N, C-alpha and C. Protein backbone atom coordinates (compact mmCIF):
# COMPACT_ATOMS: atom_id res chain seq x y z
N MET A 1 8.84 10.87 21.61
CA MET A 1 8.45 9.43 21.49
C MET A 1 8.11 9.14 20.00
N ARG A 2 8.59 7.93 19.58
CA ARG A 2 8.41 7.60 18.23
C ARG A 2 7.00 7.10 17.99
N LYS A 3 6.31 7.55 16.95
CA LYS A 3 5.05 7.19 16.51
C LYS A 3 5.26 6.05 15.47
N ASP A 4 4.60 4.87 15.77
CA ASP A 4 4.75 3.70 14.87
C ASP A 4 3.55 3.54 13.94
N ALA A 5 3.84 3.01 12.74
CA ALA A 5 2.89 2.51 11.80
C ALA A 5 3.01 1.05 11.79
N HIS A 6 1.83 0.41 11.49
CA HIS A 6 1.76 -1.06 11.37
C HIS A 6 1.19 -1.47 9.99
N HIS A 7 1.61 -2.62 9.56
CA HIS A 7 1.16 -3.10 8.30
C HIS A 7 1.04 -4.62 8.34
N ALA A 8 -0.09 -5.12 7.69
CA ALA A 8 -0.32 -6.53 7.61
C ALA A 8 0.22 -7.04 6.27
N THR A 9 0.71 -8.27 6.31
CA THR A 9 1.21 -8.88 5.05
C THR A 9 1.14 -10.32 5.07
N LEU A 10 1.29 -10.97 3.97
CA LEU A 10 1.32 -12.41 3.98
C LEU A 10 2.69 -12.84 4.36
N ALA A 11 2.79 -13.97 5.12
CA ALA A 11 4.10 -14.50 5.62
C ALA A 11 5.06 -14.80 4.45
N GLU A 12 4.46 -15.20 3.40
CA GLU A 12 5.32 -15.58 2.21
C GLU A 12 6.04 -14.32 1.68
N ASN A 13 5.67 -13.14 2.00
CA ASN A 13 6.28 -11.82 1.49
C ASN A 13 7.43 -11.41 2.38
N LEU A 14 7.67 -12.03 3.45
CA LEU A 14 8.61 -11.53 4.44
C LEU A 14 10.00 -11.48 3.96
N ALA A 15 10.39 -12.55 3.28
CA ALA A 15 11.79 -12.57 2.65
C ALA A 15 12.04 -11.41 1.75
N GLY A 16 11.13 -11.13 0.86
CA GLY A 16 11.34 -10.07 -0.12
C GLY A 16 11.31 -8.74 0.65
N ILE A 17 10.38 -8.55 1.68
CA ILE A 17 10.36 -7.33 2.42
C ILE A 17 11.73 -7.15 3.20
N ALA A 18 12.21 -8.23 3.70
CA ALA A 18 13.55 -8.19 4.40
C ALA A 18 14.64 -7.70 3.50
N ARG A 19 14.61 -8.10 2.18
CA ARG A 19 15.65 -7.70 1.22
C ARG A 19 15.36 -6.30 0.62
N GLU A 20 14.14 -5.97 0.31
CA GLU A 20 13.81 -4.74 -0.44
C GLU A 20 13.06 -3.70 0.37
N GLY A 21 12.49 -4.00 1.54
CA GLY A 21 11.69 -3.17 2.28
C GLY A 21 10.21 -3.23 1.76
N LEU A 22 9.45 -2.35 2.36
CA LEU A 22 8.03 -2.33 1.97
C LEU A 22 7.96 -1.22 0.83
N VAL A 23 7.24 -1.50 -0.16
CA VAL A 23 7.09 -0.67 -1.32
C VAL A 23 5.70 -0.45 -1.66
N PRO A 24 5.38 0.76 -2.21
CA PRO A 24 4.00 1.02 -2.65
C PRO A 24 3.47 -0.09 -3.56
N ASN A 25 2.16 -0.30 -3.56
CA ASN A 25 1.54 -1.37 -4.29
C ASN A 25 1.72 -1.02 -5.85
N ASP A 26 2.01 -2.09 -6.59
CA ASP A 26 2.10 -1.89 -8.07
C ASP A 26 0.84 -2.45 -8.80
N GLY A 27 -0.16 -2.75 -7.98
CA GLY A 27 -1.47 -3.20 -8.57
C GLY A 27 -1.59 -4.69 -8.65
N THR A 28 -0.47 -5.42 -8.30
CA THR A 28 -0.57 -6.89 -8.39
C THR A 28 -0.65 -7.58 -7.05
N ARG A 29 -0.75 -6.77 -5.89
CA ARG A 29 -0.79 -7.41 -4.61
C ARG A 29 -1.87 -7.04 -3.83
N GLY A 30 -2.29 -7.83 -2.87
CA GLY A 30 -3.40 -7.53 -1.95
C GLY A 30 -4.73 -8.13 -2.29
N VAL A 31 -5.68 -7.95 -1.52
CA VAL A 31 -7.03 -8.48 -1.63
C VAL A 31 -8.11 -7.26 -1.74
N TRP A 32 -7.56 -6.09 -2.28
CA TRP A 32 -8.46 -5.03 -2.46
C TRP A 32 -9.48 -5.28 -3.58
N PRO A 33 -10.74 -4.88 -3.44
CA PRO A 33 -11.71 -4.93 -4.57
C PRO A 33 -11.19 -4.05 -5.71
N ASP A 34 -11.56 -4.45 -6.90
CA ASP A 34 -11.08 -3.79 -8.14
C ASP A 34 -11.31 -2.24 -8.22
N GLU A 35 -12.43 -1.82 -7.56
CA GLU A 35 -12.70 -0.39 -7.58
C GLU A 35 -11.88 0.47 -6.73
N TYR A 36 -11.02 -0.13 -5.96
CA TYR A 36 -10.16 0.70 -5.05
C TYR A 36 -8.91 1.09 -5.80
N ASP A 37 -8.41 2.25 -5.71
CA ASP A 37 -7.26 2.81 -6.38
C ASP A 37 -6.16 2.56 -5.31
N VAL A 38 -5.38 1.43 -5.57
CA VAL A 38 -4.32 1.11 -4.65
C VAL A 38 -2.99 1.22 -5.27
N VAL A 39 -2.87 1.43 -6.59
CA VAL A 39 -1.51 1.60 -7.20
C VAL A 39 -0.72 2.76 -6.68
N GLY A 40 0.50 2.57 -6.26
CA GLY A 40 1.39 3.67 -5.74
C GLY A 40 1.17 3.88 -4.32
N LYS A 41 0.38 3.12 -3.61
CA LYS A 41 0.10 3.36 -2.21
C LYS A 41 0.55 2.16 -1.35
N LEU A 42 1.16 2.42 -0.13
CA LEU A 42 1.35 1.54 0.88
C LEU A 42 0.44 1.85 2.01
N PHE A 43 -0.23 0.88 2.42
CA PHE A 43 -1.33 1.01 3.48
C PHE A 43 -0.79 0.64 4.83
N VAL A 44 -1.09 1.65 5.81
CA VAL A 44 -0.58 1.40 7.12
C VAL A 44 -1.75 1.72 8.16
N CYS A 45 -1.59 1.28 9.40
CA CYS A 45 -2.43 1.67 10.43
C CYS A 45 -1.66 2.24 11.58
N GLY A 46 -2.31 3.18 12.30
CA GLY A 46 -1.67 3.92 13.39
C GLY A 46 -1.61 3.05 14.66
N ASP A 47 -2.21 1.96 14.68
CA ASP A 47 -2.16 1.10 15.89
C ASP A 47 -2.16 -0.44 15.51
N LEU A 48 -1.67 -1.24 16.48
CA LEU A 48 -1.54 -2.62 16.33
C LEU A 48 -2.86 -3.31 16.03
N GLU A 49 -4.00 -2.91 16.76
CA GLU A 49 -5.28 -3.48 16.61
C GLU A 49 -5.75 -3.31 15.17
N GLY A 50 -5.59 -2.22 14.60
CA GLY A 50 -6.01 -2.04 13.14
C GLY A 50 -5.27 -2.90 12.21
N ALA A 51 -3.99 -3.10 12.36
CA ALA A 51 -3.18 -3.92 11.51
C ALA A 51 -3.60 -5.39 11.72
N GLU A 52 -3.91 -5.77 12.96
CA GLU A 52 -4.25 -7.11 13.23
C GLU A 52 -5.67 -7.39 12.62
N HIS A 53 -6.54 -6.45 12.50
CA HIS A 53 -7.76 -6.57 11.77
C HIS A 53 -7.61 -6.79 10.36
N TYR A 54 -6.66 -6.05 9.75
CA TYR A 54 -6.45 -6.17 8.36
C TYR A 54 -5.56 -7.47 8.08
N ALA A 55 -4.80 -7.89 8.97
CA ALA A 55 -4.14 -9.24 8.87
C ALA A 55 -5.22 -10.37 8.83
N GLN A 56 -6.33 -10.27 9.67
CA GLN A 56 -7.31 -11.27 9.66
C GLN A 56 -8.10 -11.23 8.33
N VAL A 57 -8.39 -10.08 7.80
CA VAL A 57 -9.13 -9.88 6.60
C VAL A 57 -8.23 -10.49 5.40
N LEU A 58 -6.96 -10.20 5.40
CA LEU A 58 -5.99 -10.79 4.51
C LEU A 58 -5.97 -12.35 4.59
N ALA A 59 -5.94 -12.91 5.82
CA ALA A 59 -5.95 -14.31 5.97
C ALA A 59 -7.25 -14.95 5.54
N ASP A 60 -8.31 -14.26 5.83
CA ASP A 60 -9.69 -14.88 5.46
C ASP A 60 -9.81 -14.78 3.90
N GLY A 61 -9.25 -13.79 3.26
CA GLY A 61 -9.39 -13.57 1.78
C GLY A 61 -8.42 -14.48 1.04
N THR A 62 -7.42 -14.98 1.67
CA THR A 62 -6.40 -15.78 0.92
C THR A 62 -6.16 -17.13 1.44
N GLY A 63 -6.61 -17.38 2.74
CA GLY A 63 -6.38 -18.77 3.32
C GLY A 63 -4.87 -18.94 3.75
N GLU A 64 -4.16 -17.79 3.70
CA GLU A 64 -2.72 -17.91 3.95
C GLU A 64 -2.29 -17.28 5.29
N GLU A 65 -1.09 -17.64 5.80
CA GLU A 65 -0.65 -17.06 7.07
C GLU A 65 -0.24 -15.73 6.83
N THR A 66 -0.52 -14.84 7.88
CA THR A 66 -0.13 -13.41 7.80
C THR A 66 0.72 -12.99 8.94
N ARG A 67 1.41 -11.83 8.85
CA ARG A 67 2.21 -11.23 9.89
C ARG A 67 1.87 -9.77 9.90
N VAL A 68 2.13 -9.16 11.09
CA VAL A 68 2.03 -7.73 11.31
C VAL A 68 3.51 -7.18 11.53
N LEU A 69 3.71 -6.08 10.77
CA LEU A 69 4.95 -5.40 10.83
C LEU A 69 4.75 -4.01 11.46
N ARG A 70 5.90 -3.46 12.05
CA ARG A 70 5.82 -2.00 12.50
C ARG A 70 7.12 -1.30 12.08
N PHE A 71 6.93 0.00 12.07
CA PHE A 71 8.16 0.86 11.59
C PHE A 71 7.77 2.28 11.91
N PRO A 72 8.69 3.14 11.90
CA PRO A 72 8.39 4.59 12.11
C PRO A 72 7.25 5.09 11.18
N MET A 73 6.38 5.84 11.67
CA MET A 73 5.27 6.37 10.91
C MET A 73 5.81 7.23 9.79
N PRO A 74 5.51 7.00 8.53
CA PRO A 74 5.93 7.72 7.37
C PRO A 74 5.50 9.26 7.53
N GLU A 75 6.32 10.20 7.20
CA GLU A 75 5.96 11.59 7.29
C GLU A 75 4.88 11.98 6.23
N ASN A 76 4.99 11.44 5.09
CA ASN A 76 4.10 11.83 3.99
C ASN A 76 2.85 10.92 3.92
N ARG A 77 2.22 10.72 5.01
CA ARG A 77 1.02 9.86 4.96
C ARG A 77 -0.19 10.81 4.82
N MET A 78 -1.19 10.03 4.30
CA MET A 78 -2.54 10.72 4.05
C MET A 78 -3.64 9.72 4.66
N MET A 79 -4.62 10.41 5.25
CA MET A 79 -5.81 9.52 5.66
C MET A 79 -6.33 8.70 4.49
N ASP A 80 -6.68 7.49 4.74
CA ASP A 80 -7.13 6.61 3.68
C ASP A 80 -8.60 6.74 3.55
N GLU A 81 -9.03 7.23 2.42
CA GLU A 81 -10.48 7.52 2.10
C GLU A 81 -11.21 6.10 1.74
N MET A 82 -10.49 5.13 1.49
CA MET A 82 -11.14 3.86 1.04
C MET A 82 -11.68 3.01 2.20
N THR A 83 -11.40 3.35 3.50
CA THR A 83 -11.80 2.55 4.55
C THR A 83 -12.61 3.33 5.55
N ASP A 84 -13.27 2.66 6.41
CA ASP A 84 -14.10 3.35 7.45
C ASP A 84 -13.42 3.23 8.75
N PHE A 85 -12.09 2.80 8.72
CA PHE A 85 -11.40 2.57 9.92
C PHE A 85 -10.49 3.79 10.34
N ASP A 86 -10.82 4.31 11.54
CA ASP A 86 -9.94 5.46 12.01
C ASP A 86 -8.52 4.95 12.18
N GLY A 87 -7.63 5.79 11.77
CA GLY A 87 -6.17 5.43 11.85
C GLY A 87 -5.66 4.68 10.74
N ALA A 88 -6.37 4.54 9.59
CA ALA A 88 -5.95 3.94 8.46
C ALA A 88 -5.38 5.01 7.46
N TRP A 89 -4.11 4.78 7.09
CA TRP A 89 -3.42 5.79 6.31
C TRP A 89 -2.84 5.10 5.01
N HIS A 90 -2.38 5.87 4.13
CA HIS A 90 -1.49 5.39 3.04
C HIS A 90 -0.43 6.37 2.79
N THR A 91 0.69 5.77 2.28
CA THR A 91 1.85 6.65 1.87
C THR A 91 2.33 6.25 0.53
N THR A 92 3.08 7.10 -0.08
CA THR A 92 3.74 6.77 -1.36
C THR A 92 5.17 6.50 -1.27
N GLN A 93 5.69 6.56 -0.03
CA GLN A 93 7.14 6.17 0.13
C GLN A 93 7.42 4.85 0.52
N SER A 94 8.57 4.34 0.14
CA SER A 94 8.95 2.90 0.60
C SER A 94 9.53 3.03 2.02
N ILE A 95 9.51 1.94 2.65
CA ILE A 95 10.10 1.79 4.01
C ILE A 95 11.27 0.79 3.97
N ALA A 96 12.48 1.33 4.40
CA ALA A 96 13.63 0.52 4.34
C ALA A 96 13.62 -0.69 5.27
N PRO A 97 14.17 -1.82 4.90
CA PRO A 97 14.00 -3.10 5.65
C PRO A 97 14.69 -3.04 7.06
N ASP A 98 15.70 -2.11 7.22
CA ASP A 98 16.33 -2.07 8.51
C ASP A 98 15.62 -1.43 9.61
N VAL A 99 14.47 -0.70 9.32
CA VAL A 99 13.68 -0.12 10.27
C VAL A 99 12.36 -0.92 10.60
N ILE A 100 12.23 -2.03 9.88
CA ILE A 100 10.96 -2.81 10.07
C ILE A 100 11.14 -3.95 11.12
N GLU A 101 10.12 -4.00 11.98
CA GLU A 101 10.13 -5.14 12.94
C GLU A 101 8.91 -5.94 12.66
N MET A 102 8.98 -7.23 13.08
CA MET A 102 7.90 -8.21 12.96
C MET A 102 7.36 -8.62 14.21
N LEU A 103 6.12 -8.74 14.45
CA LEU A 103 5.48 -9.28 15.67
C LEU A 103 5.63 -10.86 15.62
N ASP A 104 6.34 -11.43 16.54
CA ASP A 104 6.52 -12.86 16.53
C ASP A 104 6.32 -13.49 17.94
N ASP A 105 5.19 -14.15 18.06
CA ASP A 105 4.80 -14.65 19.39
C ASP A 105 4.73 -13.55 20.46
N GLY A 106 4.19 -12.43 20.09
CA GLY A 106 3.97 -11.30 20.97
C GLY A 106 5.17 -10.47 21.30
N VAL A 107 6.24 -10.76 20.50
CA VAL A 107 7.53 -9.93 20.73
C VAL A 107 7.93 -9.29 19.41
N TRP A 108 8.27 -7.95 19.39
CA TRP A 108 8.75 -7.32 18.23
C TRP A 108 10.13 -7.64 18.02
N LYS A 109 10.51 -8.09 16.82
CA LYS A 109 11.89 -8.57 16.42
C LYS A 109 12.28 -7.88 15.14
N PRO A 110 13.53 -7.38 15.00
CA PRO A 110 13.98 -6.91 13.70
C PRO A 110 13.75 -7.81 12.61
N LEU A 111 13.03 -7.42 11.54
CA LEU A 111 12.70 -8.32 10.44
C LEU A 111 13.86 -8.94 9.77
N VAL A 112 14.96 -8.10 9.46
CA VAL A 112 16.00 -8.69 8.70
C VAL A 112 16.82 -9.68 9.55
N GLU A 113 16.70 -9.72 10.81
CA GLU A 113 17.33 -10.68 11.63
C GLU A 113 16.45 -11.93 11.82
N SER A 114 15.15 -11.73 11.71
CA SER A 114 14.16 -12.88 11.84
C SER A 114 13.99 -13.71 10.64
N VAL A 115 14.15 -13.04 9.40
CA VAL A 115 13.95 -13.81 8.26
C VAL A 115 15.23 -13.93 7.48
N ARG A 116 15.70 -15.19 7.46
CA ARG A 116 17.00 -15.46 6.79
C ARG A 116 16.85 -16.70 5.97
């Protein structure tokens, strides 16, 4: 059985993710406090509830609309030491757009077909 990873993002990022996939943070994205080392990391949760929590934190921090994505769990993941949330991981690998799904009104849909 496939183990999924989940990721929260701003809705405005969906078109770029559909083109380029999810890529590790270059230091210019997110709402992480300055003391967190985020460069080169892509943050994921092992369950939907965790990603929905981070989507709400992102929405509260930006005032923008958010979405939750899912994809196969990256093999080179590491427990994330910056959070106190069980199941929070980070990876240094990119995720190809063709394996990413977006939660849309309670239904998982392929991202590249949903964002055009």
